[in-house]
Amino acid sequence: MDINFHITKEKFDSLTWDEWNALESAEQGEFKPKELMSIAVRFLADESNQPLDEKAARRNLGKLDTKDMGLALTKLSQAIIGYSVPKSTGNA
């Protein structure tokens, strides 16, 4: 299953302190599946990079096995970090 995440300013700005802590804990190997699912469904997108509604997102993520769940969380983390890191303007 191909997993895509679409980060928007509104959804990015809605991340709570607890959710940031859950993401950081996952990066360090401490998984909290319930908390991570609530974060991931917010950003899950289809093949066309269109956001999925919560019900469809939960259904799709709920089918993932352990290996694919780890890959999805890595993609989510990379997408959030990619969004949050300022883009270089090339000006020195």
PDB file of N, CA and C in Angstrom:
ATOM      1  N   MET A   1       0.849  -1.187   0.000  1.00  0.00           N
ATOM      2  CA  MET A   1       0.000   0.000   0.000  1.00  0.00           C
ATOM      3  C   MET A   1       0.890   1.243   0.000  1.00  0.00           C
ATOM      4  N   ASP A   2       0.618   2.130  -0.931  1.00  0.00           N
ATOM      5  CA  ASP A   2       1.382   3.372  -1.008  1.00  0.00           C
ATOM      6  C   ASP A   2       0.754   4.394  -0.063  1.00  0.00           C
ATOM      7  N   ILE A   3       1.594   4.965   0.774  1.00  0.00           N
ATOM      8  CA  ILE A   3       1.127   5.940   1.773  1.00  0.00           C
ATOM      9  C   ILE A   3       1.658   7.319   1.402  1.00  0.00           C
ATOM     10  N   ASN A   4       0.756   8.289   1.356  1.00  0.00           N
ATOM     11  CA  ASN A   4       1.124   9.672   1.057  1.00  0.00           C
ATOM     12  C   ASN A   4       0.577  10.583   2.149  1.00  0.00           C
ATOM     13  N   PHE A   5       1.353  11.590   2.467  1.00  0.00           N
ATOM     14  CA  PHE A   5       0.917  12.581   3.445  1.00  0.00           C
ATOM     15  C   PHE A   5       0.974  13.962   2.811  1.00  0.00           C
ATOM     16  N   HIS A   6      -0.034  14.757   3.095  1.00  0.00           N
ATOM     17  CA  HIS A   6      -0.120  16.124   2.583  1.00  0.00           C
ATOM     18  C   HIS A   6      -0.177  17.072   3.776  1.00  0.00           C
ATOM     19  N   ILE A   7       0.845  17.897   3.910  1.00  0.00           N
ATOM     20  CA  ILE A   7       0.937  18.815   5.046  1.00  0.00           C
ATOM     21  C   ILE A   7       0.455  20.194   4.606  1.00  0.00           C
ATOM     22  N   THR A   8      -0.474  20.744   5.358  1.00  0.00           N
ATOM     23  CA  THR A   8      -0.931  22.114   5.104  1.00  0.00           C
ATOM     24  C   THR A   8      -0.616  22.959   6.338  1.00  0.00           C
ATOM     25  N   LYS A   9      -0.565  24.255   6.147  1.00  0.00           N
ATOM     26  CA  LYS A   9      -0.279  25.160   7.264  1.00  0.00           C
ATOM     27  C   LYS A   9      -1.307  24.987   8.377  1.00  0.00           C
ATOM     28  N   GLU A  10      -2.566  24.931   8.009  1.00  0.00           N
ATOM     29  CA  GLU A  10      -3.631  24.815   9.004  1.00  0.00           C
ATOM     30  C   GLU A  10      -3.478  23.532   9.835  1.00  0.00           C
ATOM     31  N   LYS A  11      -3.243  22.422   9.167  1.00  0.00           N
ATOM     32  CA  LYS A  11      -3.104  21.157   9.890  1.00  0.00           C
ATOM     33  C   LYS A  11      -1.795  21.107  10.664  1.00  0.00           C
ATOM     34  N   PHE A  12      -0.731  21.638  10.081  1.00  0.00           N
ATOM     35  CA  PHE A  12       0.558  21.684  10.772  1.00  0.00           C
ATOM     36  C   PHE A  12       0.434  22.511  12.048  1.00  0.00           C
ATOM     37  N   ASP A  13      -0.191  23.676  11.930  1.00  0.00           N
ATOM     38  CA  ASP A  13      -0.343  24.566  13.086  1.00  0.00           C
ATOM     39  C   ASP A  13      -1.262  23.991  14.168  1.00  0.00           C
ATOM     40  N   SER A  14      -2.064  22.977  13.814  1.00  0.00           N
ATOM     41  CA  SER A  14      -2.982  22.401  14.803  1.00  0.00           C
ATOM     42  C   SER A  14      -2.335  21.308  15.649  1.00  0.00           C
ATOM     43  N   LEU A  15      -1.081  20.936  15.340  1.00  0.00           N
ATOM     44  CA  LEU A  15      -0.406  19.925  16.164  1.00  0.00           C
ATOM     45  C   LEU A  15      -0.238  20.444  17.586  1.00  0.00           C
ATOM     46  N   THR A  16      -0.583  19.595  18.547  1.00  0.00           N
ATOM     47  CA  THR A  16      -0.491  19.987  19.950  1.00  0.00           C
ATOM     48  C   THR A  16       0.876  19.601  20.516  1.00  0.00           C
ATOM     49  N   TRP A  17       1.151  20.100  21.673  1.00  0.00           N
ATOM     50  CA  TRP A  17       2.404  19.776  22.377  1.00  0.00           C
ATOM     51  C   TRP A  17       2.503  18.266  22.572  1.00  0.00           C
ATOM     52  N   ASP A  18       1.394  17.643  23.017  1.00  0.00           N
ATOM     53  CA  ASP A  18       1.380  16.193  23.220  1.00  0.00           C
ATOM     54  C   ASP A  18       1.664  15.444  21.926  1.00  0.00           C
ATOM     55  N   GLU A  19       1.134  15.941  20.826  1.00  0.00           N
ATOM     56  CA  GLU A  19       1.377  15.283  19.536  1.00  0.00           C
ATOM     57  C   GLU A  19       2.835  15.418  19.118  1.00  0.00           C
ATOM     58  N   TRP A  20       3.428  16.581  19.340  1.00  0.00           N
ATOM     59  CA  TRP A  20       4.861  16.741  19.052  1.00  0.00           C
ATOM     60  C   TRP A  20       5.674  15.777  19.912  1.00  0.00           C
ATOM     61  N   ASN A  21       5.274  15.629  21.184  1.00  0.00           N
ATOM     62  CA  ASN A  21       5.967  14.686  22.069  1.00  0.00           C
ATOM     63  C   ASN A  21       5.834  13.257  21.556  1.00  0.00           C
ATOM     64  N   ALA A  22       4.655  12.887  21.062  1.00  0.00           N
ATOM     65  CA  ALA A  22       4.446  11.536  20.523  1.00  0.00           C
ATOM     66  C   ALA A  22       5.313  11.309  19.296  1.00  0.00           C
ATOM     67  N   LEU A  23       5.424  12.318  18.433  1.00  0.00           N
ATOM     68  CA  LEU A  23       6.284  12.204  17.246  1.00  0.00           C
ATOM     69  C   LEU A  23       7.746  12.057  17.650  1.00  0.00           C
ATOM     70  N   GLU A  24       8.171  12.851  18.624  1.00  0.00           N
ATOM     71  CA  GLU A  24       9.550  12.765  19.089  1.00  0.00           C
ATOM     72  C   GLU A  24       9.824  11.400  19.721  1.00  0.00           C
ATOM     73  N   SER A  25       8.887  10.909  20.512  1.00  0.00           N
ATOM     74  CA  SER A  25       9.049   9.595  21.136  1.00  0.00           C
ATOM     75  C   SER A  25       9.152   8.499  20.073  1.00  0.00           C
ATOM     76  N   ALA A  26       8.350   8.610  19.015  1.00  0.00           N
ATOM     77  CA  ALA A  26       8.402   7.621  17.930  1.00  0.00           C
ATOM     78  C   ALA A  26       9.755   7.644  17.244  1.00  0.00           C
ATOM     79  N   GLU A  27      10.304   8.839  17.059  1.00  0.00           N
ATOM     80  CA  GLU A  27      11.631   8.962  16.452  1.00  0.00           C
ATOM     81  C   GLU A  27      12.690   8.265  17.300  1.00  0.00           C
ATOM     82  N   GLN A  28      12.438   8.196  18.606  1.00  0.00           N
ATOM     83  CA  GLN A  28      13.386   7.573  19.539  1.00  0.00           C
ATOM     84  C   GLN A  28      13.034   6.112  19.811  1.00  0.00           C
ATOM     85  N   GLY A  29      12.048   5.571  19.069  1.00  0.00           N
ATOM     86  CA  GLY A  29      11.707   4.165  19.186  1.00  0.00           C
ATOM     87  C   GLY A  29      10.593   3.833  20.160  1.00  0.00           C
ATOM     88  N   GLU A  30       9.972   4.825  20.767  1.00  0.00           N
ATOM     89  CA  GLU A  30       8.874   4.594  21.708  1.00  0.00           C
ATOM     90  C   GLU A  30       7.552   4.905  21.003  1.00  0.00           C
ATOM     91  N   PHE A  31       6.881   3.854  20.551  1.00  0.00           N
ATOM     92  CA  PHE A  31       5.664   4.032  19.765  1.00  0.00           C
ATOM     93  C   PHE A  31       4.428   4.075  20.643  1.00  0.00           C
ATOM     94  N   LYS A  32       3.572   5.024  20.348  1.00  0.00           N
ATOM     95  CA  LYS A  32       2.274   5.154  20.994  1.00  0.00           C
ATOM     96  C   LYS A  32       1.248   5.139  19.862  1.00  0.00           C
ATOM     97  N   PRO A  33       0.855   3.923  19.412  1.00  0.00           N
ATOM     98  CA  PRO A  33       0.027   3.791  18.210  1.00  0.00           C
ATOM     99  C   PRO A  33      -1.235   4.644  18.192  1.00  0.00           C
ATOM    100  N   LYS A  34      -1.953   4.726  19.298  1.00  0.00           N
ATOM    101  CA  LYS A  34      -3.197   5.495  19.316  1.00  0.00           C
ATOM    102  C   LYS A  34      -2.933   6.976  19.031  1.00  0.00           C
ATOM    103  N   GLU A  35      -1.913   7.526  19.675  1.00  0.00           N
ATOM    104  CA  GLU A  35      -1.579   8.938  19.465  1.00  0.00           C
ATOM    105  C   GLU A  35      -1.055   9.177  18.047  1.00  0.00           C
ATOM    106  N   LEU A  36      -0.220   8.254  17.570  1.00  0.00           N
ATOM    107  CA  LEU A  36       0.342   8.419  16.230  1.00  0.00           C
ATOM    108  C   LEU A  36      -0.732   8.282  15.152  1.00  0.00           C
ATOM    109  N   MET A  37      -1.710   7.406  15.371  1.00  0.00           N
ATOM    110  CA  MET A  37      -2.813   7.265  14.416  1.00  0.00           C
ATOM    111  C   MET A  37      -3.592   8.569  14.310  1.00  0.00           C
ATOM    112  N   SER A  38      -3.849   9.215  15.456  1.00  0.00           N
ATOM    113  CA  SER A  38      -4.627  10.461  15.419  1.00  0.00           C
ATOM    114  C   SER A  38      -3.888  11.559  14.664  1.00  0.00           C
ATOM    115  N   ILE A  39      -2.561  11.515  14.698  1.00  0.00           N
ATOM    116  CA  ILE A  39      -1.768  12.489  13.948  1.00  0.00           C
ATOM    117  C   ILE A  39      -1.771  12.125  12.462  1.00  0.00           C
ATOM    118  N   ALA A  40      -1.514  10.865  12.172  1.00  0.00           N
ATOM    119  CA  ALA A  40      -1.374  10.425  10.784  1.00  0.00           C
ATOM    120  C   ALA A  40      -2.656  10.621   9.980  1.00  0.00           C
ATOM    121  N   VAL A  41      -3.825  10.351  10.582  1.00  0.00           N
ATOM    122  CA  VAL A  41      -5.071  10.485   9.815  1.00  0.00           C
ATOM    123  C   VAL A  41      -5.301  11.928   9.378  1.00  0.00           C
ATOM    124  N   ARG A  42      -4.793  12.864  10.143  1.00  0.00           N
ATOM    125  CA  ARG A  42      -4.968  14.275   9.813  1.00  0.00           C
ATOM    126  C   ARG A  42      -4.263  14.651   8.500  1.00  0.00           C
ATOM    127  N   PHE A  43      -3.176  13.949   8.192  1.00  0.00           N
ATOM    128  CA  PHE A  43      -2.351  14.308   7.047  1.00  0.00           C
ATOM    129  C   PHE A  43      -2.394  13.301   5.894  1.00  0.00           C
ATOM    130  N   LEU A  44      -3.079  12.167   6.053  1.00  0.00           N
ATOM    131  CA  LEU A  44      -3.075  11.132   5.023  1.00  0.00           C
ATOM    132  C   LEU A  44      -3.758  11.625   3.757  1.00  0.00           C
ATOM    133  N   ALA A  45      -3.143  11.316   2.623  1.00  0.00           N
ATOM    134  CA  ALA A  45      -3.662  11.749   1.322  1.00  0.00           C
ATOM    135  C   ALA A  45      -3.716  10.560   0.364  1.00  0.00           C
ATOM    136  N   ASP A  46      -4.487  10.716  -0.705  1.00  0.00           N
ATOM    137  CA  ASP A  46      -4.567   9.672  -1.720  1.00  0.00           C
ATOM    138  C   ASP A  46      -3.422   9.811  -2.725  1.00  0.00           C
ATOM    139  N   GLU A  47      -3.466   9.003  -3.780  1.00  0.00           N
ATOM    140  CA  GLU A  47      -2.396   9.006  -4.787  1.00  0.00           C
ATOM    141  C   GLU A  47      -2.250  10.356  -5.483  1.00  0.00           C
ATOM    142  N   SER A  48      -3.330  11.137  -5.509  1.00  0.00           N
ATOM    143  CA  SER A  48      -3.311  12.460  -6.147  1.00  0.00           C
ATOM    144  C   SER A  48      -2.955  13.563  -5.160  1.00  0.00           C
ATOM    145  N   ASN A  49      -2.511  13.177  -3.977  1.00  0.00           N
ATOM    146  CA  ASN A  49      -2.133  14.108  -2.917  1.00  0.00           C
ATOM    147  C   ASN A  49      -3.320  14.918  -2.391  1.00  0.00           C
ATOM    148  N   GLN A  50      -4.529  14.342  -2.509  1.00  0.00           N
ATOM    149  CA  GLN A  50      -5.730  14.973  -1.971  1.00  0.00           C
ATOM    150  C   GLN A  50      -6.002  14.376  -0.590  1.00  0.00           C
ATOM    151  N   PRO A  51      -6.253  15.215   0.405  1.00  0.00           N
ATOM    152  CA  PRO A  51      -6.490  14.704   1.763  1.00  0.00           C
ATOM    153  C   PRO A  51      -7.658  13.723   1.807  1.00  0.00           C
ATOM    154  N   LEU A  52      -7.506  12.670   2.602  1.00  0.00           N
ATOM    155  CA  LEU A  52      -8.595  11.727   2.840  1.00  0.00           C
ATOM    156  C   LEU A  52      -9.395  12.188   4.050  1.00  0.00           C
ATOM    157  N   ASP A  53     -10.692  11.852   4.053  1.00  0.00           N
ATOM    158  CA  ASP A  53     -11.465  12.159   5.257  1.00  0.00           C
ATOM    159  C   ASP A  53     -11.022  11.205   6.363  1.00  0.00           C
ATOM    160  N   GLU A  54     -11.346  11.561   7.591  1.00  0.00           N
ATOM    161  CA  GLU A  54     -10.836  10.815   8.746  1.00  0.00           C
ATOM    162  C   GLU A  54     -11.228   9.345   8.697  1.00  0.00           C
ATOM    163  N   LYS A  55     -12.458   9.051   8.322  1.00  0.00           N
ATOM    164  CA  LYS A  55     -12.918   7.661   8.295  1.00  0.00           C
ATOM    165  C   LYS A  55     -12.112   6.828   7.298  1.00  0.00           C
ATOM    166  N   ALA A  56     -11.917   7.355   6.084  1.00  0.00           N
ATOM    167  CA  ALA A  56     -11.137   6.640   5.071  1.00  0.00           C
ATOM    168  C   ALA A  56      -9.679   6.507   5.497  1.00  0.00           C
ATOM    169  N   ALA A  57      -9.143   7.552   6.099  1.00  0.00           N
ATOM    170  CA  ALA A  57      -7.750   7.518   6.554  1.00  0.00           C
ATOM    171  C   ALA A  57      -7.564   6.459   7.639  1.00  0.00           C
ATOM    172  N   ARG A  58      -8.464   6.412   8.608  1.00  0.00           N
ATOM    173  CA  ARG A  58      -8.374   5.402   9.670  1.00  0.00           C
ATOM    174  C   ARG A  58      -8.505   3.993   9.096  1.00  0.00           C
ATOM    175  N   ARG A  59      -9.397   3.823   8.147  1.00  0.00           N
ATOM    176  CA  ARG A  59      -9.584   2.512   7.521  1.00  0.00           C
ATOM    177  C   ARG A  59      -8.305   2.077   6.808  1.00  0.00           C
ATOM    178  N   ASN A  60      -7.704   2.976   6.034  1.00  0.00           N
ATOM    179  CA  ASN A  60      -6.482   2.649   5.292  1.00  0.00           C
ATOM    180  C   ASN A  60      -5.305   2.382   6.223  1.00  0.00           C
ATOM    181  N   LEU A  61      -5.124   3.232   7.220  1.00  0.00           N
ATOM    182  CA  LEU A  61      -4.009   3.035   8.145  1.00  0.00           C
ATOM    183  C   LEU A  61      -4.212   1.793   9.010  1.00  0.00           C
ATOM    184  N   GLY A  62      -5.453   1.497   9.339  1.00  0.00           N
ATOM    185  CA  GLY A  62      -5.753   0.339  10.175  1.00  0.00           C
ATOM    186  C   GLY A  62      -5.393  -0.984   9.527  1.00  0.00           C
ATOM    187  N   LYS A  63      -5.247  -1.007   8.209  1.00  0.00           N
ATOM    188  CA  LYS A  63      -4.900  -2.226   7.472  1.00  0.00           C
ATOM    189  C   LYS A  63      -3.399  -2.485   7.429  1.00  0.00           C
ATOM    190  N   LEU A  64      -2.599  -1.521   7.863  1.00  0.00           N
ATOM    191  CA  LEU A  64      -1.143  -1.659   7.752  1.00  0.00           C
ATOM    192  C   LEU A  64      -0.612  -2.688   8.738  1.00  0.00           C
ATOM    193  N   ASP A  65       0.343  -3.500   8.253  1.00  0.00           N
ATOM    194  CA  ASP A  65       1.035  -4.402   9.170  1.00  0.00           C
ATOM    195  C   ASP A  65       2.167  -3.620   9.838  1.00  0.00           C
ATOM    196  N   THR A  66       2.880  -4.275  10.735  1.00  0.00           N
ATOM    197  CA  THR A  66       3.911  -3.596  11.520  1.00  0.00           C
ATOM    198  C   THR A  66       4.984  -2.960  10.640  1.00  0.00           C
ATOM    199  N   LYS A  67       5.433  -3.672   9.623  1.00  0.00           N
ATOM    200  CA  LYS A  67       6.468  -3.140   8.730  1.00  0.00           C
ATOM    201  C   LYS A  67       5.972  -1.884   8.011  1.00  0.00           C
ATOM    202  N   ASP A  68       4.770  -1.974   7.426  1.00  0.00           N
ATOM    203  CA  ASP A  68       4.231  -0.821   6.696  1.00  0.00           C
ATOM    204  C   ASP A  68       3.887   0.331   7.626  1.00  0.00           C
ATOM    205  N   MET A  69       3.500   0.026   8.857  1.00  0.00           N
ATOM    206  CA  MET A  69       3.225   1.078   9.833  1.00  0.00           C
ATOM    207  C   MET A  69       4.506   1.864  10.116  1.00  0.00           C
ATOM    208  N   GLY A  70       5.610   1.158  10.273  1.00  0.00           N
ATOM    209  CA  GLY A  70       6.889   1.831  10.497  1.00  0.00           C
ATOM    210  C   GLY A  70       7.278   2.711   9.322  1.00  0.00           C
ATOM    211  N   LEU A  71       7.061   2.201   8.100  1.00  0.00           N
ATOM    212  CA  LEU A  71       7.363   2.998   6.908  1.00  0.00           C
ATOM    213  C   LEU A  71       6.463   4.225   6.826  1.00  0.00           C
ATOM    214  N   ALA A  72       5.191   4.053   7.172  1.00  0.00           N
ATOM    215  CA  ALA A  72       4.258   5.183   7.147  1.00  0.00           C
ATOM    216  C   ALA A  72       4.665   6.248   8.151  1.00  0.00           C
ATOM    217  N   LEU A  73       5.070   5.826   9.336  1.00  0.00           N
ATOM    218  CA  LEU A  73       5.483   6.798  10.356  1.00  0.00           C
ATOM    219  C   LEU A  73       6.755   7.524   9.942  1.00  0.00           C
ATOM    220  N   THR A  74       7.653   6.821   9.268  1.00  0.00           N
ATOM    221  CA  THR A  74       8.862   7.468   8.749  1.00  0.00           C
ATOM    222  C   THR A  74       8.493   8.513   7.707  1.00  0.00           C
ATOM    223  N   LYS A  75       7.572   8.162   6.798  1.00  0.00           N
ATOM    224  CA  LYS A  75       7.130   9.117   5.769  1.00  0.00           C
ATOM    225  C   LYS A  75       6.437  10.319   6.397  1.00  0.00           C
ATOM    226  N   LEU A  76       5.619  10.062   7.424  1.00  0.00           N
ATOM    227  CA  LEU A  76       4.930  11.159   8.104  1.00  0.00           C
ATOM    228  C   LEU A  76       5.940  12.095   8.746  1.00  0.00           C
ATOM    229  N   SER A  77       6.888  11.532   9.441  1.00  0.00           N
ATOM    230  CA  SER A  77       7.919  12.337  10.097  1.00  0.00           C
ATOM    231  C   SER A  77       8.700  13.155   9.078  1.00  0.00           C
ATOM    232  N   GLN A  78       9.077  12.536   7.973  1.00  0.00           N
ATOM    233  CA  GLN A  78       9.821  13.244   6.929  1.00  0.00           C
ATOM    234  C   GLN A  78       8.982  14.362   6.318  1.00  0.00           C
ATOM    235  N   ALA A  79       7.690  14.102   6.129  1.00  0.00           N
ATOM    236  CA  ALA A  79       6.813  15.123   5.556  1.00  0.00           C
ATOM    237  C   ALA A  79       6.669  16.316   6.495  1.00  0.00           C
ATOM    238  N   ILE A  80       6.500  16.048   7.780  1.00  0.00           N
ATOM    239  CA  ILE A  80       6.351  17.136   8.756  1.00  0.00           C
ATOM    240  C   ILE A  80       7.655  17.917   8.877  1.00  0.00           C
ATOM    241  N   ILE A  81       8.765  17.213   8.960  1.00  0.00           N
ATOM    242  CA  ILE A  81      10.059  17.898   9.043  1.00  0.00           C
ATOM    243  C   ILE A  81      10.312  18.695   7.771  1.00  0.00           C
ATOM    244  N   GLY A  82      10.021  18.107   6.620  1.00  0.00           N
ATOM    245  CA  GLY A  82      10.202  18.802   5.346  1.00  0.00           C
ATOM    246  C   GLY A  82       9.380  20.072   5.262  1.00  0.00           C
ATOM    247  N   TYR A  83       8.178  20.018   5.834  1.00  0.00           N
ATOM    248  CA  TYR A  83       7.326  21.206   5.830  1.00  0.00           C
ATOM    249  C   TYR A  83       7.842  22.261   6.798  1.00  0.00           C
ATOM    250  N   SER A  84       8.350  21.815   7.948  1.00  0.00           N
ATOM    251  CA  SER A  84       8.714  22.766   8.997  1.00  0.00           C
ATOM    252  C   SER A  84      10.073  23.419   8.805  1.00  0.00           C
ATOM    253  N   VAL A  85      10.937  22.815   8.005  1.00  0.00           N
ATOM    254  CA  VAL A  85      12.268  23.386   7.782  1.00  0.00           C
ATOM    255  C   VAL A  85      12.146  24.488   6.731  1.00  0.00           C
ATOM    256  N   PRO A  86      12.591  25.686   7.048  1.00  0.00           N
ATOM    257  CA  PRO A  86      12.511  26.791   6.083  1.00  0.00           C
ATOM    258  C   PRO A  86      13.257  26.464   4.800  1.00  0.00           C
ATOM    259  N   LYS A  87      12.668  26.827   3.683  1.00  0.00           N
ATOM    260  CA  LYS A  87      13.304  26.612   2.388  1.00  0.00           C
ATOM    261  C   LYS A  87      14.402  27.642   2.179  1.00  0.00           C
ATOM    262  N   SER A  88      15.492  27.203   1.604  1.00  0.00           N
ATOM    263  CA  SER A  88      16.611  28.099   1.307  1.00  0.00           C
ATOM    264  C   SER A  88      16.235  29.006   0.145  1.00  0.00           C
ATOM    265  N   THR A  89      16.549  30.269   0.286  1.00  0.00           N
ATOM    266  CA  THR A  89      16.249  31.223  -0.787  1.00  0.00           C
ATOM    267  C   THR A  89      17.413  31.392  -1.729  1.00  0.00           C
ATOM    268  N   GLY A  90      18.557  30.870  -1.333  1.00  0.00           N
ATOM    269  CA  GLY A  90      19.742  31.032  -2.175  1.00  0.00           C
ATOM    270  C   GLY A  90      20.479  32.328  -1.912  1.00  0.00           C
ATOM    271  N   ASN A  91      19.933  33.179  -1.053  1.00  0.00           N
ATOM    272  CA  ASN A  91      20.594  34.447  -0.721  1.00  0.00           C
ATOM    273  C   ASN A  91      21.568  34.223   0.431  1.00  0.00           C
ATOM    274  N   ALA A  92      22.733  34.709   0.306  1.00  0.00           N
ATOM    275  CA  ALA A  92      23.731  34.546   1.381  1.00  0.00           C
ATOM    276  C   ALA A  92      23.882  35.829   2.138  1.00  0.00           C
TER     277      ALA A  92
END
